[in-house]
Amino acid sequence: MLFAKKEKGQGLVEYALILVLVAIVVIAALTILGPIIGNVFTKINTGLAN
């Protein structure tokens, strides 16, 4: 029973680390795929304008 508070804090830290990892992966994916997605929307916009 003495370690219950430490385990609860440890769980919060683990969830925070997972959240940070997911955020880093999302930012990396958007950085890599951002220009590609932008080009697709530009081509669609150009096609609709003609």
PDB file of N, CA and C in Angstrom:
ATOM      1  N   MET A   1       0.813  -1.200   0.000  1.00  0.00           N
ATOM      2  CA  MET A   1       0.000   0.000   0.000  1.00  0.00           C
ATOM      3  C   MET A   1       0.855   1.262   0.000  1.00  0.00           C
ATOM      4  N   LEU A   2       2.087   1.134   0.432  1.00  0.00           N
ATOM      5  CA  LEU A   2       2.949   2.315   0.484  1.00  0.00           C
ATOM      6  C   LEU A   2       3.336   2.796  -0.910  1.00  0.00           C
ATOM      7  N   PHE A   3       3.289   1.893  -1.898  1.00  0.00           N
ATOM      8  CA  PHE A   3       3.751   2.250  -3.233  1.00  0.00           C
ATOM      9  C   PHE A   3       2.616   2.605  -4.187  1.00  0.00           C
ATOM     10  N   ALA A   4       1.403   2.660  -3.711  1.00  0.00           N
ATOM     11  CA  ALA A   4       0.253   2.918  -4.582  1.00  0.00           C
ATOM     12  C   ALA A   4       0.358   4.286  -5.257  1.00  0.00           C
ATOM     13  N   LYS A   5       0.773   5.298  -4.524  1.00  0.00           N
ATOM     14  CA  LYS A   5       0.863   6.636  -5.118  1.00  0.00           C
ATOM     15  C   LYS A   5       1.962   6.697  -6.169  1.00  0.00           C
ATOM     16  N   LYS A   6       3.068   6.012  -5.953  1.00  0.00           N
ATOM     17  CA  LYS A   6       4.145   6.005  -6.939  1.00  0.00           C
ATOM     18  C   LYS A   6       3.705   5.315  -8.220  1.00  0.00           C
ATOM     19  N   GLU A   7       2.960   4.219  -8.081  1.00  0.00           N
ATOM     20  CA  GLU A   7       2.492   3.523  -9.277  1.00  0.00           C
ATOM     21  C   GLU A   7       1.490   4.371 -10.046  1.00  0.00           C
ATOM     22  N   LYS A   8       0.662   5.107  -9.342  1.00  0.00           N
ATOM     23  CA  LYS A   8      -0.304   5.975 -10.005  1.00  0.00           C
ATOM     24  C   LYS A   8       0.431   7.073 -10.788  1.00  0.00           C
ATOM     25  N   GLY A   9       1.443   7.659 -10.185  1.00  0.00           N
ATOM     26  CA  GLY A   9       2.239   8.669 -10.874  1.00  0.00           C
ATOM     27  C   GLY A   9       3.002   8.083 -12.048  1.00  0.00           C
ATOM     28  N   GLN A  10       3.456   6.849 -11.878  1.00  0.00           N
ATOM     29  CA  GLN A  10       4.181   6.193 -12.953  1.00  0.00           C
ATOM     30  C   GLN A  10       3.262   5.986 -14.150  1.00  0.00           C
ATOM     31  N   GLY A  11       2.018   5.626 -13.920  1.00  0.00           N
ATOM     32  CA  GLY A  11       1.064   5.446 -15.012  1.00  0.00           C
ATOM     33  C   GLY A  11       0.830   6.739 -15.767  1.00  0.00           C
ATOM     34  N   LEU A  12       0.724   7.842 -15.038  1.00  0.00           N
ATOM     35  CA  LEU A  12       0.538   9.141 -15.693  1.00  0.00           C
ATOM     36  C   LEU A  12       1.743   9.501 -16.549  1.00  0.00           C
ATOM     37  N   VAL A  13       2.936   9.211 -16.036  1.00  0.00           N
ATOM     38  CA  VAL A  13       4.159   9.496 -16.793  1.00  0.00           C
ATOM     39  C   VAL A  13       4.200   8.646 -18.055  1.00  0.00           C
ATOM     40  N   GLU A  14       3.802   7.392 -17.951  1.00  0.00           N
ATOM     41  CA  GLU A  14       3.798   6.530 -19.133  1.00  0.00           C
ATOM     42  C   GLU A  14       2.812   7.037 -20.186  1.00  0.00           C
ATOM     43  N   TYR A  15       1.629   7.459 -19.754  1.00  0.00           N
ATOM     44  CA  TYR A  15       0.666   8.011 -20.712  1.00  0.00           C
ATOM     45  C   TYR A  15       1.204   9.294 -21.345  1.00  0.00           C
ATOM     46  N   ALA A  16       1.880  10.110 -20.571  1.00  0.00           N
ATOM     47  CA  ALA A  16       2.453  11.347 -21.108  1.00  0.00           C
ATOM     48  C   ALA A  16       3.532  11.035 -22.137  1.00  0.00           C
ATOM     49  N   LEU A  17       4.364  10.042 -21.862  1.00  0.00           N
ATOM     50  CA  LEU A  17       5.410   9.663 -22.818  1.00  0.00           C
ATOM     51  C   LEU A  17       4.813   9.117 -24.105  1.00  0.00           C
ATOM     52  N   ILE A  18       3.750   8.331 -23.998  1.00  0.00           N
ATOM     53  CA  ILE A  18       3.089   7.823 -25.201  1.00  0.00           C
ATOM     54  C   ILE A  18       2.496   8.973 -25.998  1.00  0.00           C
ATOM     55  N   LEU A  19       1.883   9.931 -25.321  1.00  0.00           N
ATOM     56  CA  LEU A  19       1.306  11.085 -25.995  1.00  0.00           C
ATOM     57  C   LEU A  19       2.377  11.897 -26.719  1.00  0.00           C
ATOM     58  N   VAL A  20       3.515  12.083 -26.084  1.00  0.00           N
ATOM     59  CA  VAL A  20       4.624  12.813 -26.709  1.00  0.00           C
ATOM     60  C   VAL A  20       5.135  12.050 -27.925  1.00  0.00           C
ATOM     61  N   LEU A  21       5.258  10.734 -27.814  1.00  0.00           N
ATOM     62  CA  LEU A  21       5.725   9.931 -28.941  1.00  0.00           C
ATOM     63  C   LEU A  21       4.761  10.019 -30.117  1.00  0.00           C
ATOM     64  N   VAL A  22       3.469   9.937 -29.854  1.00  0.00           N
ATOM     65  CA  VAL A  22       2.473  10.055 -30.926  1.00  0.00           C
ATOM     66  C   VAL A  22       2.548  11.433 -31.569  1.00  0.00           C
ATOM     67  N   ALA A  23       2.716  12.472 -30.758  1.00  0.00           N
ATOM     68  CA  ALA A  23       2.814  13.832 -31.300  1.00  0.00           C
ATOM     69  C   ALA A  23       4.040  13.963 -32.201  1.00  0.00           C
ATOM     70  N   ILE A  24       5.155  13.384 -31.804  1.00  0.00           N
ATOM     71  CA  ILE A  24       6.371  13.457 -32.618  1.00  0.00           C
ATOM     72  C   ILE A  24       6.171  12.726 -33.941  1.00  0.00           C
ATOM     73  N   VAL A  25       5.520  11.572 -33.910  1.00  0.00           N
ATOM     74  CA  VAL A  25       5.271  10.818 -35.141  1.00  0.00           C
ATOM     75  C   VAL A  25       4.343  11.597 -36.069  1.00  0.00           C
ATOM     76  N   VAL A  26       3.309  12.219 -35.520  1.00  0.00           N
ATOM     77  CA  VAL A  26       2.374  12.997 -36.349  1.00  0.00           C
ATOM     78  C   VAL A  26       3.083  14.190 -36.969  1.00  0.00           C
ATOM     79  N   ILE A  27       3.895  14.889 -36.188  1.00  0.00           N
ATOM     80  CA  ILE A  27       4.625  16.042 -36.723  1.00  0.00           C
ATOM     81  C   ILE A  27       5.594  15.611 -37.813  1.00  0.00           C
ATOM     82  N   ALA A  28       6.284  14.498 -37.600  1.00  0.00           N
ATOM     83  CA  ALA A  28       7.214  14.005 -38.620  1.00  0.00           C
ATOM     84  C   ALA A  28       6.481  13.614 -39.898  1.00  0.00           C
ATOM     85  N   ALA A  29       5.336  12.952 -39.752  1.00  0.00           N
ATOM     86  CA  ALA A  29       4.571  12.548 -40.931  1.00  0.00           C
ATOM     87  C   ALA A  29       4.071  13.769 -41.700  1.00  0.00           C
ATOM     88  N   LEU A  30       3.586  14.764 -40.980  1.00  0.00           N
ATOM     89  CA  LEU A  30       3.108  15.975 -41.664  1.00  0.00           C
ATOM     90  C   LEU A  30       4.253  16.731 -42.325  1.00  0.00           C
ATOM     91  N   THR A  31       5.417  16.725 -41.715  1.00  0.00           N
ATOM     92  CA  THR A  31       6.571  17.396 -42.300  1.00  0.00           C
ATOM     93  C   THR A  31       6.992  16.705 -43.593  1.00  0.00           C
ATOM     94  N   ILE A  32       6.965  15.381 -43.585  1.00  0.00           N
ATOM     95  CA  ILE A  32       7.377  14.637 -44.770  1.00  0.00           C
ATOM     96  C   ILE A  32       6.304  14.677 -45.855  1.00  0.00           C
ATOM     97  N   LEU A  33       5.050  14.486 -45.473  1.00  0.00           N
ATOM     98  CA  LEU A  33       3.972  14.383 -46.448  1.00  0.00           C
ATOM     99  C   LEU A  33       3.319  15.719 -46.789  1.00  0.00           C
ATOM    100  N   GLY A  34       3.641  16.768 -46.062  1.00  0.00           N
ATOM    101  CA  GLY A  34       3.020  18.068 -46.286  1.00  0.00           C
ATOM    102  C   GLY A  34       3.133  18.577 -47.708  1.00  0.00           C
ATOM    103  N   PRO A  35       4.349  18.643 -48.255  1.00  0.00           N
ATOM    104  CA  PRO A  35       4.482  19.126 -49.642  1.00  0.00           C
ATOM    105  C   PRO A  35       3.779  18.235 -50.657  1.00  0.00           C
ATOM    106  N   ILE A  36       3.778  16.940 -50.431  1.00  0.00           N
ATOM    107  CA  ILE A  36       3.112  16.021 -51.359  1.00  0.00           C
ATOM    108  C   ILE A  36       1.609  16.270 -51.352  1.00  0.00           C
ATOM    109  N   ILE A  37       1.040  16.410 -50.175  1.00  0.00           N
ATOM    110  CA  ILE A  37      -0.398  16.677 -50.066  1.00  0.00           C
ATOM    111  C   ILE A  37      -0.725  18.041 -50.669  1.00  0.00           C
ATOM    112  N   GLY A  38       0.139  19.024 -50.453  1.00  0.00           N
ATOM    113  CA  GLY A  38      -0.064  20.348 -51.039  1.00  0.00           C
ATOM    114  C   GLY A  38      -0.082  20.299 -52.553  1.00  0.00           C
ATOM    115  N   ASN A  39       0.814  19.500 -53.137  1.00  0.00           N
ATOM    116  CA  ASN A  39       0.848  19.363 -54.597  1.00  0.00           C
ATOM    117  C   ASN A  39      -0.430  18.722 -55.121  1.00  0.00           C
ATOM    118  N   VAL A  40      -0.946  17.753 -54.405  1.00  0.00           N
ATOM    119  CA  VAL A  40      -2.195  17.097 -54.827  1.00  0.00           C
ATOM    120  C   VAL A  40      -3.331  18.107 -54.848  1.00  0.00           C
ATOM    121  N   PHE A  41      -3.450  18.915 -53.792  1.00  0.00           N
ATOM    122  CA  PHE A  41      -4.518  19.914 -53.758  1.00  0.00           C
ATOM    123  C   PHE A  41      -4.321  20.975 -54.835  1.00  0.00           C
ATOM    124  N   THR A  42      -3.082  21.322 -55.134  1.00  0.00           N
ATOM    125  CA  THR A  42      -2.816  22.291 -56.199  1.00  0.00           C
ATOM    126  C   THR A  42      -3.257  21.737 -57.555  1.00  0.00           C
ATOM    127  N   LYS A  43      -2.951  20.466 -57.799  1.00  0.00           N
ATOM    128  CA  LYS A  43      -3.366  19.846 -59.065  1.00  0.00           C
ATOM    129  C   LYS A  43      -4.889  19.777 -59.163  1.00  0.00           C
ATOM    130  N   ILE A  44      -5.557  19.464 -58.062  1.00  0.00           N
ATOM    131  CA  ILE A  44      -7.023  19.401 -58.076  1.00  0.00           C
ATOM    132  C   ILE A  44      -7.592  20.784 -58.326  1.00  0.00           C
ATOM    133  N   ASN A  45      -7.045  21.787 -57.673  1.00  0.00           N
ATOM    134  CA  ASN A  45      -7.517  23.164 -57.856  1.00  0.00           C
ATOM    135  C   ASN A  45      -7.292  23.626 -59.291  1.00  0.00           C
ATOM    136  N   THR A  46      -6.160  23.305 -59.861  1.00  0.00           N
ATOM    137  CA  THR A  46      -5.867  23.679 -61.246  1.00  0.00           C
ATOM    138  C   THR A  46      -6.821  22.966 -62.209  1.00  0.00           C
ATOM    139  N   GLY A  47      -7.077  21.695 -61.936  1.00  0.00           N
ATOM    140  CA  GLY A  47      -7.999  20.930 -62.795  1.00  0.00           C
ATOM    141  C   GLY A  47      -9.417  21.482 -62.724  1.00  0.00           C
ATOM    142  N   LEU A  48      -9.852  21.921 -61.559  1.00  0.00           N
ATOM    143  CA  LEU A  48     -11.189  22.467 -61.444  1.00  0.00           C
ATOM    144  C   LEU A  48     -11.297  23.857 -62.067  1.00  0.00           C
ATOM    145  N   ALA A  49     -10.200  24.591 -62.094  1.00  0.00           N
ATOM    146  CA  ALA A  49     -10.224  25.944 -62.644  1.00  0.00           C
ATOM    147  C   ALA A  49     -10.317  25.908 -64.173  1.00  0.00           C
ATOM    148  N   ASN A  50      -9.850  24.833 -64.776  1.00  0.00           N
ATOM    149  CA  ASN A  50      -9.858  24.765 -66.253  1.00  0.00           C
ATOM    150  C   ASN A  50     -11.150  24.277 -66.751  1.00  0.00           C
TER     151      ASN A  50
END
